[in-house]
Amino acid sequence: MKNNLPPVVPFPSSSPASIKGWEEYLKEGKQFLKAASNGFDTRKEVFTAEILYNMIAMSIEKFIMGALMASGNLPYNHTMYDLVEAMESHLPGALEGIKAKLLALDAFQDICDLENYKIAPPMMEEIPAILDLAHELQNRTCIH
């Protein structure tokens, strides 16, 4: 019988291979996500779709970095592509069912090439799905 629950990233908290500080990354990821969720819910003028996207992207980056560091690994870079690639390499299956959604986030902001950077913020209507994605990743990577 197949388990329909999403895969959960194993956290070797006592492993000598863990990179110190991984817990802090998870804590910060939760803080960014909570702030973005609260900002979206209150609809304050300051929480534009672009600001919310960046806060959610920071939470996602923190969750992935925490998971990778807990496993004793780091990504090559911090683009969503590199973060996802590192997760797939070091924690296979951890992003099952959400990998494509995470990779799609790079379409909103490509700022690595200073001469050809592009920023196309999401519409406010897209924010709930991005928040859901971040919450799903939090459920897979964080010890509750």
Protein backbone atom coordinates (compact mmCIF):
# COMPACT_ATOMS: atom_id res chain seq x y z
CA MET A 1 0.00 0.00 0.00
CA LYS A 2 1.45 3.35 -1.08
CA ASN A 3 1.68 6.14 1.47
CA ASN A 4 0.02 9.30 0.09
CA LEU A 5 1.79 11.60 2.50
CA PRO A 6 4.44 13.93 1.02
CA PRO A 7 8.04 12.96 1.65
CA VAL A 8 9.65 14.57 4.67
CA VAL A 9 13.29 15.59 4.70
CA PRO A 10 15.20 13.58 7.30
CA PHE A 11 16.96 15.76 9.85
CA PRO A 12 20.15 14.22 11.24
CA SER A 13 20.26 16.71 14.12
CA SER A 14 22.98 14.79 15.89
CA SER A 15 24.91 13.85 12.76
CA PRO A 16 28.53 14.98 12.68
CA ALA A 17 28.00 15.78 8.99
CA SER A 18 25.44 18.51 9.76
CA ILE A 19 26.56 22.05 9.12
CA LYS A 20 26.26 24.20 12.21
CA GLY A 21 23.40 26.70 12.19
CA TRP A 22 20.87 24.74 10.14
CA GLU A 23 18.25 25.21 12.87
CA GLU A 24 18.56 28.98 12.53
CA TYR A 25 17.81 28.78 8.81
CA LEU A 26 14.59 26.88 9.52
CA LYS A 27 13.62 29.37 12.22
CA GLU A 28 14.22 32.29 9.85
CA GLY A 29 12.26 30.53 7.11
CA LYS A 30 9.29 30.22 9.44
CA GLN A 31 9.60 33.89 10.37
CA PHE A 32 9.68 35.06 6.75
CA LEU A 33 6.71 32.86 5.87
CA LYS A 34 4.69 34.00 8.88
CA ALA A 35 5.40 37.65 8.05
CA ALA A 36 4.41 37.13 4.40
CA SER A 37 1.23 35.27 5.38
CA ASN A 38 0.27 37.98 7.85
CA GLY A 39 1.08 40.70 5.32
CA PHE A 40 -1.08 39.04 2.70
CA ASP A 41 -3.95 38.47 5.14
CA THR A 42 -3.98 42.06 6.39
CA ARG A 43 -3.55 43.52 2.88
CA LYS A 44 -1.64 46.49 4.19
CA GLU A 45 -0.61 48.90 1.45
CA VAL A 46 3.04 48.12 2.00
CA PHE A 47 2.66 44.40 1.19
CA THR A 48 2.63 44.49 -2.59
CA ALA A 49 2.79 41.28 -4.62
CA GLU A 50 6.48 41.97 -5.29
CA ILE A 51 7.32 42.38 -1.60
CA LEU A 52 5.29 39.29 -0.69
CA TYR A 53 6.98 37.26 -3.44
CA ASN A 54 10.42 38.23 -2.14
CA MET A 55 9.50 37.42 1.46
CA ILE A 56 8.11 34.03 0.42
CA ALA A 57 11.17 33.35 -1.75
CA MET A 58 13.38 34.10 1.26
CA SER A 59 11.40 31.63 3.36
CA ILE A 60 11.76 28.96 0.68
CA GLU A 61 15.49 29.60 0.42
CA LYS A 62 15.86 29.36 4.20
CA PHE A 63 13.89 26.08 4.38
CA ILE A 64 15.99 24.51 1.63
CA MET A 65 19.26 25.77 3.09
CA GLY A 66 18.29 24.42 6.52
CA ALA A 67 17.47 21.01 5.06
CA LEU A 68 20.68 20.90 3.04
CA MET A 69 22.84 22.05 5.95
CA ALA A 70 21.21 19.49 8.27
CA SER A 71 22.26 16.82 5.79
CA GLY A 72 25.80 18.26 5.63
CA ASN A 73 25.46 19.78 2.16
CA LEU A 74 25.31 23.16 0.45
CA PRO A 75 23.99 24.27 -2.94
CA TYR A 76 26.27 25.56 -5.68
CA ASN A 77 24.37 28.86 -5.72
CA HIS A 78 21.15 30.33 -4.35
CA THR A 79 18.99 30.54 -7.47
CA MET A 80 15.85 28.43 -7.20
CA TYR A 81 17.29 26.14 -9.87
CA ASP A 82 20.49 25.58 -7.87
CA LEU A 83 18.59 25.10 -4.60
CA VAL A 84 16.26 22.53 -6.18
CA GLU A 85 19.16 20.79 -7.92
CA ALA A 86 21.03 20.48 -4.60
CA MET A 87 17.93 19.09 -2.89
CA GLU A 88 17.44 16.55 -5.68
CA SER A 89 21.09 15.55 -5.48
CA HIS A 90 21.48 15.32 -1.71
CA LEU A 91 17.91 14.56 -0.54
CA PRO A 92 16.32 12.70 -3.46
CA GLY A 93 12.54 12.67 -3.45
CA ALA A 94 12.18 15.43 -0.86
CA LEU A 95 10.62 17.75 -3.43
CA GLU A 96 8.37 15.15 -5.03
CA GLY A 97 5.32 16.86 -6.49
CA ILE A 98 6.53 20.43 -5.89
CA LYS A 99 9.82 20.58 -7.81
CA ALA A 100 8.30 22.14 -10.96
CA LYS A 101 6.42 24.74 -8.91
CA LEU A 102 9.62 25.75 -7.15
CA LEU A 103 11.51 26.02 -10.43
CA ALA A 104 8.72 28.17 -11.88
CA LEU A 105 9.46 30.81 -9.23
CA ASP A 106 12.66 31.74 -11.09
CA ALA A 107 10.47 33.18 -13.88
CA PHE A 108 9.53 36.12 -11.66
CA GLN A 109 13.06 37.24 -10.98
CA ASP A 110 16.32 36.55 -12.77
CA ILE A 111 18.85 38.91 -11.22
CA CYS A 112 22.11 36.98 -11.50
CA ASP A 113 23.26 38.63 -14.74
CA LEU A 114 23.69 42.33 -13.99
CA GLU A 115 23.51 43.30 -17.66
CA ASN A 116 20.45 41.24 -18.56
CA TYR A 117 18.49 40.95 -15.32
CA LYS A 118 14.71 40.80 -15.40
CA ILE A 119 12.08 41.25 -12.76
CA ALA A 120 8.45 40.41 -13.51
CA PRO A 121 6.65 40.31 -10.17
CA PRO A 122 3.66 38.01 -9.79
CA MET A 123 0.13 39.34 -9.69
CA MET A 124 -1.52 39.49 -6.27
CA GLU A 125 -3.83 36.69 -7.45
CA GLU A 126 -0.79 34.40 -7.76
CA ILE A 127 0.39 34.97 -4.18
CA PRO A 128 -1.95 32.42 -2.49
CA ALA A 129 -0.52 29.57 -4.59
CA ILE A 130 3.04 30.70 -3.83
CA LEU A 131 2.20 30.88 -0.12
CA ASP A 132 0.72 27.37 -0.31
CA LEU A 133 3.91 26.13 -1.96
CA ALA A 134 6.04 27.64 0.80
CA HIS A 135 3.81 26.11 3.47
CA GLU A 136 4.11 22.73 1.75
CA LEU A 137 7.90 23.05 1.73
CA GLN A 138 7.83 24.08 5.40
CA ASN A 139 5.82 20.96 6.24
CA ARG A 140 8.42 18.83 4.49
CA THR A 141 11.53 20.46 5.92
CA CYS A 142 10.72 21.71 9.40
CA ILE A 143 10.49 19.92 12.68
CA HIS A 144 7.21 21.05 14.21
